[in-house]
C-alpha atoms as a PDB file:
ATOM      1  CA  MET A   1      35.408 -24.808 -18.554  1.00  0.00           C
ATOM      2  CA  ARG A   2      34.671 -24.980 -14.813  1.00  0.00           C
ATOM      3  CA  LYS A   3      35.824 -21.354 -14.462  1.00  0.00           C
ATOM      4  CA  LEU A   4      33.486 -20.247 -17.333  1.00  0.00           C
ATOM      5  CA  LEU A   5      30.633 -22.147 -15.767  1.00  0.00           C
ATOM      6  CA  THR A   6      31.253 -20.463 -12.396  1.00  0.00           C
ATOM      7  CA  LEU A   7      31.282 -16.984 -14.022  1.00  0.00           C
ATOM      8  CA  GLY A   8      28.038 -17.911 -15.827  1.00  0.00           C
ATOM      9  CA  ILE A   9      26.359 -18.823 -12.605  1.00  0.00           C
ATOM     10  CA  LEU A  10      27.569 -15.567 -10.933  1.00  0.00           C
ATOM     11  CA  ALA A  11      26.277 -13.621 -13.774  1.00  0.00           C
ATOM     12  CA  GLN A  12      22.844 -15.201 -13.429  1.00  0.00           C
ATOM     13  CA  LEU A  13      22.840 -14.568  -9.729  1.00  0.00           C
ATOM     14  CA  THR A  14      23.786 -10.912 -10.279  1.00  0.00           C
ATOM     15  CA  LEU A  15      20.980 -10.416 -12.792  1.00  0.00           C
ATOM     16  CA  SER A  16      18.433 -12.056 -10.525  1.00  0.00           C
ATOM     17  CA  THR A  17      19.528  -9.831  -7.649  1.00  0.00           C
ATOM     18  CA  ILE A  18      19.141  -6.684  -9.762  1.00  0.00           C
ATOM     19  CA  SER A  19      15.656  -7.839 -10.868  1.00  0.00           C
ATOM     20  CA  PHE A  20      14.676  -8.580  -7.258  1.00  0.00           C
ATOM     21  CA  ALA A  21      15.997  -5.196  -6.019  1.00  0.00           C
ATOM     22  CA  GLN A  22      14.221  -3.168  -8.820  1.00  0.00           C
ATOM     23  CA  THR A  23      11.920  -0.477  -7.551  1.00  0.00           C
ATOM     24  CA  LYS A  24       8.349  -1.675  -7.545  1.00  0.00           C
ATOM     25  CA  VAL A  25       5.210   0.272  -8.625  1.00  0.00           C
ATOM     26  CA  VAL A  26       2.173   0.751  -6.371  1.00  0.00           C
ATOM     27  CA  ALA A  27      -0.899   2.344  -7.896  1.00  0.00           C
ATOM     28  CA  HIS A  28      -2.236   4.948  -5.455  1.00  0.00           C
ATOM     29  CA  ARG A  29      -5.953   4.226  -4.782  1.00  0.00           C
ATOM     30  CA  GLY A  30      -5.759   1.844  -7.798  1.00  0.00           C
ATOM     31  CA  ALA A  31      -5.078   2.928 -11.382  1.00  0.00           C
ATOM     32  CA  PHE A  32      -7.783   5.607 -11.600  1.00  0.00           C
ATOM     33  CA  LYS A  33      -6.298   8.971 -12.940  1.00  0.00           C
ATOM     34  CA  ASN A  34      -5.729   7.948 -16.551  1.00  0.00           C
ATOM     35  CA  THR A  35      -8.323   5.181 -16.893  1.00  0.00           C
ATOM     36  CA  GLY A  36     -11.415   7.225 -16.058  1.00  0.00           C
ATOM     37  CA  VAL A  37     -12.651   4.972 -13.244  1.00  0.00           C
ATOM     38  CA  PRO A  38     -13.302   6.092  -9.659  1.00  0.00           C
ATOM     39  CA  GLU A  39     -10.380   5.899  -7.227  1.00  0.00           C
ATOM     40  CA  ASN A  40     -10.558   3.124  -4.637  1.00  0.00           C
ATOM     41  CA  SER A  41     -13.139   1.251  -6.761  1.00  0.00           C
ATOM     42  CA  ILE A  42     -13.014  -2.428  -7.816  1.00  0.00           C
ATOM     43  CA  ALA A  43     -12.569  -1.107 -11.277  1.00  0.00           C
ATOM     44  CA  ALA A  44      -9.427   0.899 -10.314  1.00  0.00           C
ATOM     45  CA  LEU A  45      -8.023  -2.248  -8.699  1.00  0.00           C
ATOM     46  CA  LYS A  46      -8.646  -4.251 -11.875  1.00  0.00           C
ATOM     47  CA  GLU A  47      -6.953  -1.619 -13.974  1.00  0.00           C
ATOM     48  CA  ALA A  48      -3.873  -1.704 -11.756  1.00  0.00           C
ATOM     49  CA  ILE A  49      -3.764  -5.467 -12.033  1.00  0.00           C
ATOM     50  CA  LYS A  50      -4.321  -5.409 -15.795  1.00  0.00           C
ATOM     51  CA  MET A  51      -1.387  -3.005 -16.343  1.00  0.00           C
ATOM     52  CA  GLY A  52       0.920  -5.158 -14.169  1.00  0.00           C
ATOM     53  CA  CYS A  53       1.416  -2.907 -11.044  1.00  0.00           C
ATOM     54  CA  ASP A  54       3.224  -4.641  -8.230  1.00  0.00           C
ATOM     55  CA  GLY A  55       0.822  -3.221  -5.727  1.00  0.00           C
ATOM     56  CA  SER A  56      -2.509  -1.365  -5.435  1.00  0.00           C
ATOM     57  CA  GLU A  57      -3.161   0.877  -2.462  1.00  0.00           C
ATOM     58  CA  PHE A  58      -6.581   1.445  -0.933  1.00  0.00           C
ATOM     59  CA  ASP A  59      -8.084   3.004   2.141  1.00  0.00           C
ATOM     60  CA  VAL A  60     -10.642   1.753   4.672  1.00  0.00           C
ATOM     61  CA  HIS A  61     -13.037   3.175   7.234  1.00  0.00           C
ATOM     62  CA  MET A  62     -15.633   1.468   9.511  1.00  0.00           C
ATOM     63  CA  SER A  63     -19.378   2.125   9.461  1.00  0.00           C
ATOM     64  CA  ALA A  64     -21.396   2.925  12.532  1.00  0.00           C
ATOM     65  CA  ASP A  65     -22.306  -0.759  12.747  1.00  0.00           C
ATOM     66  CA  SER A  66     -18.725  -2.014  12.247  1.00  0.00           C
ATOM     67  CA  VAL A  67     -18.682  -2.893   8.570  1.00  0.00           C
ATOM     68  CA  ILE A  68     -15.445  -1.924   6.750  1.00  0.00           C
ATOM     69  CA  PHE A  69     -15.798   0.136   3.460  1.00  0.00           C
ATOM     70  CA  VAL A  70     -13.111   1.228   0.988  1.00  0.00           C
ATOM     71  CA  ASN A  71     -12.914   4.971   0.462  1.00  0.00           C
ATOM     72  CA  HIS A  72     -10.166   7.521   0.944  1.00  0.00           C
ATOM     73  CA  ASP A  73     -12.020  10.274   2.713  1.00  0.00           C
ATOM     74  CA  ALA A  74     -14.022  10.021   6.000  1.00  0.00           C
ATOM     75  CA  HIS A  75     -16.956  11.243   3.989  1.00  0.00           C
ATOM     76  CA  ILE A  76     -18.428  10.171   0.696  1.00  0.00           C
ATOM     77  CA  GLN A  77     -21.010  12.276  -1.137  1.00  0.00           C
ATOM     78  CA  GLY A  78     -21.414  14.332   2.029  1.00  0.00           C
ATOM     79  CA  ILE A  79     -22.066  11.279   4.212  1.00  0.00           C
ATOM     80  CA  ALA A  80     -19.841  10.517   7.181  1.00  0.00           C
ATOM     81  CA  ILE A  81     -18.854   6.800   6.955  1.00  0.00           C
ATOM     82  CA  GLU A  82     -18.149   6.300  10.634  1.00  0.00           C
ATOM     83  CA  THR A  83     -21.644   7.479  11.746  1.00  0.00           C
ATOM     84  CA  THR A  84     -23.615   5.856   8.925  1.00  0.00           C
ATOM     85  CA  SER A  85     -25.082   2.382   8.808  1.00  0.00           C
ATOM     86  CA  ALA A  86     -23.646  -0.286   6.408  1.00  0.00           C
ATOM     87  CA  LYS A  87     -27.032  -0.500   4.788  1.00  0.00           C
ATOM     88  CA  ASP A  88     -27.096   3.127   3.918  1.00  0.00           C
ATOM     89  CA  LEU A  89     -23.456   3.072   2.753  1.00  0.00           C
ATOM     90  CA  ALA A  90     -24.089   0.077   0.546  1.00  0.00           C
ATOM     91  CA  ALA A  91     -26.739   2.003  -1.304  1.00  0.00           C
ATOM     92  CA  ILE A  92     -24.183   4.631  -2.484  1.00  0.00           C
ATOM     93  CA  LYS A  93     -23.127   4.386  -6.094  1.00  0.00           C
ATOM     94  CA  LEU A  94     -19.740   5.550  -7.438  1.00  0.00           C
ATOM     95  CA  SER A  95     -19.547   7.450 -10.680  1.00  0.00           C
ATOM     96  CA  ASN A  96     -19.232   4.278 -12.718  1.00  0.00           C
ATOM     97  CA  GLY A  97     -22.306   2.727 -11.160  1.00  0.00           C
ATOM     98  CA  GLU A  98     -20.338   0.451  -8.885  1.00  0.00           C
ATOM     99  CA  SER A  99     -21.478   0.177  -5.243  1.00  0.00           C
ATOM    100  CA  LEU A 100     -19.294   1.585  -2.568  1.00  0.00           C
ATOM    101  CA  PRO A 101     -17.146  -1.537  -1.992  1.00  0.00           C
ATOM    102  CA  THR A 102     -16.707  -3.243   1.421  1.00  0.00           C
ATOM    103  CA  LEU A 103     -13.319  -4.550   2.415  1.00  0.00           C
ATOM    104  CA  GLU A 104     -14.653  -8.119   1.964  1.00  0.00           C
ATOM    105  CA  VAL A 105     -15.765  -7.496  -1.624  1.00  0.00           C
ATOM    106  CA  TYR A 106     -12.519  -5.694  -2.379  1.00  0.00           C
ATOM    107  CA  LEU A 107     -10.283  -8.367  -1.002  1.00  0.00           C
ATOM    108  CA  LYS A 108     -12.154 -11.083  -2.905  1.00  0.00           C
ATOM    109  CA  ALA A 109     -11.649  -9.184  -6.104  1.00  0.00           C
ATOM    110  CA  GLY A 110      -7.923  -8.782  -5.446  1.00  0.00           C
ATOM    111  CA  LEU A 111      -7.493 -12.510  -4.625  1.00  0.00           C
ATOM    112  CA  LYS A 112      -8.564 -13.511  -8.114  1.00  0.00           C
ATOM    113  CA  GLN A 113      -5.020 -12.752  -9.241  1.00  0.00           C
ATOM    114  CA  LYS A 114      -1.505 -13.548  -8.005  1.00  0.00           C
ATOM    115  CA  LYS A 115       0.833 -10.597  -9.058  1.00  0.00           C
ATOM    116  CA  THR A 116      -0.464  -7.401  -7.558  1.00  0.00           C
ATOM    117  CA  ARG A 117      -0.246  -6.937  -3.812  1.00  0.00           C
ATOM    118  CA  LEU A 118      -3.005  -5.297  -1.872  1.00  0.00           C
ATOM    119  CA  VAL A 119      -1.722  -2.335   0.138  1.00  0.00           C
ATOM    120  CA  LEU A 120      -4.327  -1.686   2.851  1.00  0.00           C
ATOM    121  CA  GLU A 121      -4.286   1.740   4.517  1.00  0.00           C
ATOM    122  CA  LEU A 122      -6.096   1.800   7.877  1.00  0.00           C
ATOM    123  CA  LYS A 123      -7.458   5.288   8.350  1.00  0.00           C
ATOM    124  CA  PRO A 124      -7.384   6.782  11.910  1.00  0.00           C
ATOM    125  CA  SER A 125     -10.811   7.195  13.368  1.00  0.00           C
ATOM    126  CA  ALA A 126     -12.254  10.666  13.594  1.00  0.00           C
ATOM    127  CA  VAL A 127     -14.470   9.430  16.496  1.00  0.00           C
ATOM    128  CA  SER A 128     -11.904   7.976  18.914  1.00  0.00           C
ATOM    129  CA  LYS A 129      -8.604   6.141  19.193  1.00  0.00           C
ATOM    130  CA  GLU A 130     -10.292   3.093  20.371  1.00  0.00           C
ATOM    131  CA  ARG A 131     -12.384   2.956  17.233  1.00  0.00           C
ATOM    132  CA  GLY A 132      -9.335   3.091  15.133  1.00  0.00           C
ATOM    133  CA  ILE A 133      -7.927   0.091  16.965  1.00  0.00           C
ATOM    134  CA  ALA A 134     -11.300  -1.683  16.560  1.00  0.00           C
ATOM    135  CA  LEU A 135     -11.187  -1.078  12.794  1.00  0.00           C
ATOM    136  CA  THR A 136      -7.696  -2.479  12.819  1.00  0.00           C
ATOM    137  CA  ARG A 137      -8.634  -5.707  14.568  1.00  0.00           C
ATOM    138  CA  ARG A 138     -11.637  -6.194  12.270  1.00  0.00           C
ATOM    139  CA  ALA A 139      -9.665  -5.631   9.185  1.00  0.00           C
ATOM    140  CA  VAL A 140      -6.911  -8.045  10.127  1.00  0.00           C
ATOM    141  CA  ALA A 141      -9.600 -10.550  11.086  1.00  0.00           C
ATOM    142  CA  MET A 142     -11.173 -10.106   7.644  1.00  0.00           C
ATOM    143  CA  VAL A 143      -7.881 -10.537   5.849  1.00  0.00           C
ATOM    144  CA  ASN A 144      -7.153 -13.695   7.804  1.00  0.00           C
ATOM    145  CA  SER A 145     -10.667 -15.156   7.398  1.00  0.00           C
ATOM    146  CA  LEU A 146     -10.362 -14.806   3.574  1.00  0.00           C
ATOM    147  CA  LYS A 147      -6.809 -16.356   3.749  1.00  0.00           C
ATOM    148  CA  ALA A 148      -5.489 -13.118   2.157  1.00  0.00           C
ATOM    149  CA  ALA A 149      -2.631 -12.526   4.562  1.00  0.00           C
ATOM    150  CA  SER A 150      -0.025 -13.471   2.086  1.00  0.00           C
ATOM    151  CA  LYS A 151      -1.268 -10.861  -0.418  1.00  0.00           C
ATOM    152  CA  VAL A 152      -1.825  -7.895   1.951  1.00  0.00           C
ATOM    153  CA  ASP A 153       0.526  -5.228   3.315  1.00  0.00           C
ATOM    154  CA  TYR A 154      -0.650  -2.755   5.919  1.00  0.00           C
ATOM    155  CA  ILE A 155       0.079   0.982   6.089  1.00  0.00           C
ATOM    156  CA  SER A 156      -1.223   3.746   8.483  1.00  0.00           C
ATOM    157  CA  PHE A 157      -0.586   7.299   9.632  1.00  0.00           C
ATOM    158  CA  ASP A 158      -1.470   6.178  13.134  1.00  0.00           C
ATOM    159  CA  TYR A 159       1.521   4.677  14.936  1.00  0.00           C
ATOM    160  CA  ASP A 160      -0.654   2.885  17.495  1.00  0.00           C
ATOM    161  CA  ILE A 161      -2.479   1.091  14.651  1.00  0.00           C
ATOM    162  CA  CYS A 162       0.866   0.000  13.197  1.00  0.00           C
ATOM    163  CA  LYS A 163       1.963  -1.424  16.449  1.00  0.00           C
ATOM    164  CA  GLU A 164      -1.446  -3.057  16.953  1.00  0.00           C
ATOM    165  CA  ILE A 165      -1.068  -4.854  13.662  1.00  0.00           C
ATOM    166  CA  ILE A 166       2.380  -6.247  14.703  1.00  0.00           C
ATOM    167  CA  LYS A 167       0.858  -7.415  17.967  1.00  0.00           C
ATOM    168  CA  ILE A 168      -2.122  -9.297  16.531  1.00  0.00           C
ATOM    169  CA  ALA A 169      -0.512 -10.385  13.201  1.00  0.00           C
ATOM    170  CA  PRO A 170       3.271 -10.780  13.878  1.00  0.00           C
ATOM    171  CA  LYS A 171       3.856 -12.099  10.344  1.00  0.00           C
ATOM    172  CA  ALA A 172       2.203  -9.113   8.630  1.00  0.00           C
ATOM    173  CA  THR A 173       4.196  -6.456   6.853  1.00  0.00           C
ATOM    174  CA  VAL A 174       3.591  -2.956   8.216  1.00  0.00           C
ATOM    175  CA  GLN A 175       4.742   0.486   7.012  1.00  0.00           C
ATOM    176  CA  TYR A 176       4.315   3.841   8.754  1.00  0.00           C
ATOM    177  CA  LEU A 177       3.090   6.883   6.828  1.00  0.00           C
ATOM    178  CA  ALA A 178       3.364   9.974   8.848  1.00  0.00           C
ATOM    179  CA  GLY A 179       7.021  10.759   8.195  1.00  0.00           C
ATOM    180  CA  ASN A 180       7.964  11.794  11.805  1.00  0.00           C
ATOM    181  CA  LYS A 181       9.895   8.640  12.877  1.00  0.00           C
ATOM    182  CA  THR A 182      13.499   7.828  11.845  1.00  0.00           C
ATOM    183  CA  PRO A 183      14.244   4.301  10.533  1.00  0.00           C
ATOM    184  CA  ALA A 184      16.007   3.534  13.732  1.00  0.00           C
ATOM    185  CA  GLU A 185      12.823   4.372  15.753  1.00  0.00           C
ATOM    186  CA  LEU A 186      10.654   2.240  13.406  1.00  0.00           C
ATOM    187  CA  HIS A 187      13.097  -0.626  13.532  1.00  0.00           C
ATOM    188  CA  ALA A 188      13.184  -0.553  17.356  1.00  0.00           C
ATOM    189  CA  ASP A 189       9.409  -0.906  17.402  1.00  0.00           C
ATOM    190  CA  GLY A 190       9.304  -3.697  14.949  1.00  0.00           C
ATOM    191  CA  ILE A 191       7.824  -1.628  12.061  1.00  0.00           C
ATOM    192  CA  HIS A 192       9.026  -3.176   8.819  1.00  0.00           C
ATOM    193  CA  GLY A 193       9.634   0.104   6.990  1.00  0.00           C
ATOM    194  CA  PHE A 194       8.377   3.555   6.042  1.00  0.00           C
ATOM    195  CA  ASP A 195       5.954   4.822   3.448  1.00  0.00           C
ATOM    196  CA  TYR A 196       6.840   8.489   3.562  1.00  0.00           C
ATOM    197  CA  HIS A 197       5.871  11.487   1.353  1.00  0.00           C
ATOM    198  CA  PHE A 198       8.686  12.201  -1.087  1.00  0.00           C
ATOM    199  CA  SER A 199       9.283  15.706   0.522  1.00  0.00           C
ATOM    200  CA  VAL A 200      10.222  13.931   3.779  1.00  0.00           C
ATOM    201  CA  LEU A 201      12.981  11.995   2.033  1.00  0.00           C
ATOM    202  CA  ARG A 202      14.086  15.124   0.009  1.00  0.00           C
ATOM    203  CA  LYS A 203      14.821  16.622   3.457  1.00  0.00           C
ATOM    204  CA  ASN A 204      16.243  13.456   4.940  1.00  0.00           C
ATOM    205  CA  PRO A 205      17.785  11.446   2.092  1.00  0.00           C
ATOM    206  CA  GLU A 206      20.123   9.613   4.468  1.00  0.00           C
ATOM    207  CA  TRP A 207      16.975   7.803   5.810  1.00  0.00           C
ATOM    208  CA  ILE A 208      16.906   5.770   2.622  1.00  0.00           C
ATOM    209  CA  LYS A 209      20.425   4.362   3.106  1.00  0.00           C
ATOM    210  CA  GLU A 210      19.768   3.899   6.848  1.00  0.00           C
ATOM    211  CA  ALA A 211      16.587   1.887   6.223  1.00  0.00           C
ATOM    212  CA  LYS A 212      18.177  -0.168   3.508  1.00  0.00           C
ATOM    213  CA  SER A 213      21.125  -0.964   5.788  1.00  0.00           C
ATOM    214  CA  LYS A 214      18.573  -2.410   8.250  1.00  0.00           C
ATOM    215  CA  LYS A 215      16.795  -4.295   5.491  1.00  0.00           C
ATOM    216  CA  MET A 216      13.673  -2.213   5.960  1.00  0.00           C
ATOM    217  CA  ILE A 217      11.043  -1.405   3.312  1.00  0.00           C
ATOM    218  CA  THR A 218      11.386   1.971   1.651  1.00  0.00           C
ATOM    219  CA  ASN A 219       8.137   3.171   0.171  1.00  0.00           C
ATOM    220  CA  VAL A 220       7.383   6.764  -1.048  1.00  0.00           C
ATOM    221  CA  TRP A 221       4.102   8.495  -1.781  1.00  0.00           C
ATOM    222  CA  THR A 222       2.542  10.136  -3.866  1.00  0.00           C
ATOM    223  CA  VAL A 223       5.216  10.502  -6.551  1.00  0.00           C
ATOM    224  CA  ASN A 224       3.705  11.835  -9.841  1.00  0.00           C
ATOM    225  CA  ASP A 225       6.533  13.988 -11.317  1.00  0.00           C
ATOM    226  CA  GLU A 226       9.178  12.272 -13.381  1.00  0.00           C
ATOM    227  CA  PRO A 227      12.253  14.011 -11.805  1.00  0.00           C
ATOM    228  CA  ASP A 228      11.117  12.700  -8.360  1.00  0.00           C
ATOM    229  CA  MET A 229      10.555   9.169  -9.880  1.00  0.00           C
ATOM    230  CA  ASP A 230      14.088   9.212 -11.454  1.00  0.00           C
ATOM    231  CA  TRP A 231      15.743  10.378  -8.164  1.00  0.00           C
ATOM    232  CA  LEU A 232      13.955   7.685  -6.099  1.00  0.00           C
ATOM    233  CA  ILE A 233      14.742   4.972  -8.606  1.00  0.00           C
ATOM    234  CA  GLU A 234      18.439   6.032  -8.563  1.00  0.00           C
ATOM    235  CA  GLU A 235      18.334   5.812  -4.700  1.00  0.00           C
ATOM    236  CA  GLY A 236      17.039   2.308  -5.001  1.00  0.00           C
ATOM    237  CA  VAL A 237      13.892   2.656  -2.947  1.00  0.00           C
ATOM    238  CA  SER A 238      11.742  -0.480  -2.665  1.00  0.00           C
ATOM    239  CA  LEU A 239       8.453   0.905  -3.713  1.00  0.00           C
ATOM    240  CA  ILE A 240       7.020   4.068  -5.281  1.00  0.00           C
ATOM    241  CA  THR A 241       3.289   4.838  -4.877  1.00  0.00           C
ATOM    242  CA  THR A 242       1.893   6.945  -7.698  1.00  0.00           C
ATOM    243  CA  ASN A 243      -1.141   8.258  -9.433  1.00  0.00           C
ATOM    244  CA  GLU A 244       0.872   7.781 -12.667  1.00  0.00           C
ATOM    245  CA  PRO A 245       1.542   4.078 -12.733  1.00  0.00           C
ATOM    246  CA  GLU A 246       1.790   3.998 -16.514  1.00  0.00           C
ATOM    247  CA  ILE A 247       4.741   6.400 -16.512  1.00  0.00           C
ATOM    248  CA  LEU A 248       6.568   4.702 -13.653  1.00  0.00           C
ATOM    249  CA  LEU A 249       6.099   1.240 -15.034  1.00  0.00           C
ATOM    250  CA  LYS A 250       7.917   2.338 -18.266  1.00  0.00           C
ATOM    251  CA  LYS A 251      10.830   3.698 -16.198  1.00  0.00           C
ATOM    252  CA  VAL A 252      11.384   0.623 -13.994  1.00  0.00           C
ATOM    253  CA  ARG A 253      10.969  -1.795 -16.916  1.00  0.00           C
ATOM    254  CA  LYS A 254      13.445  -0.207 -19.344  1.00  0.00           C
END
């Protein structure tokens, strides 16, 4: 009887480990492609939450007067975010009638739920390196002021931004995007993992195992084709970022 009980406990532990290790789904710029809402909008975030995505990625830039807005590109509707006032940016309407969201508004929307993590991409400044660091400090301060730190992960193409986050928010989770650092290099600098384009990992598949051996995060973007999804799931990556969260969710939840 005792032996059967022990086997039962081991089986439960094994199942829980498999569940925990399962590849998780991050909606790229929210769930926008198949829902008809604008990317990086509050509506796209809500769609990602509604369909049960593990994370929703979004991008930020800073206005001329240091207010942080959510948008992928450095320009929106022909307007350069970094050289435009917050007042003028706030007047911009997205295709669904929603105002261009500030980071504050976006985070508050994301904090109304508990499941979906907020994956905050800090865009490098087109104006200066210093401005990119200023954006980073303001964004982290905003996250902390809203008590959102436990729900937010940070990513960036700028390595100095990644290192700045670790310096000012040592408990934050940070992933590097550019694909030009080995897991060993990231680990040495205290970066928690990579978030690399799938083509980088096709060329360097050993990086997945190396990162996993160091208990680092393995995130991959932007994976929209099913064969790539299948390969990455088989490799056991931590996260897959996709414009097709509906397809990926079905795969990981079979």
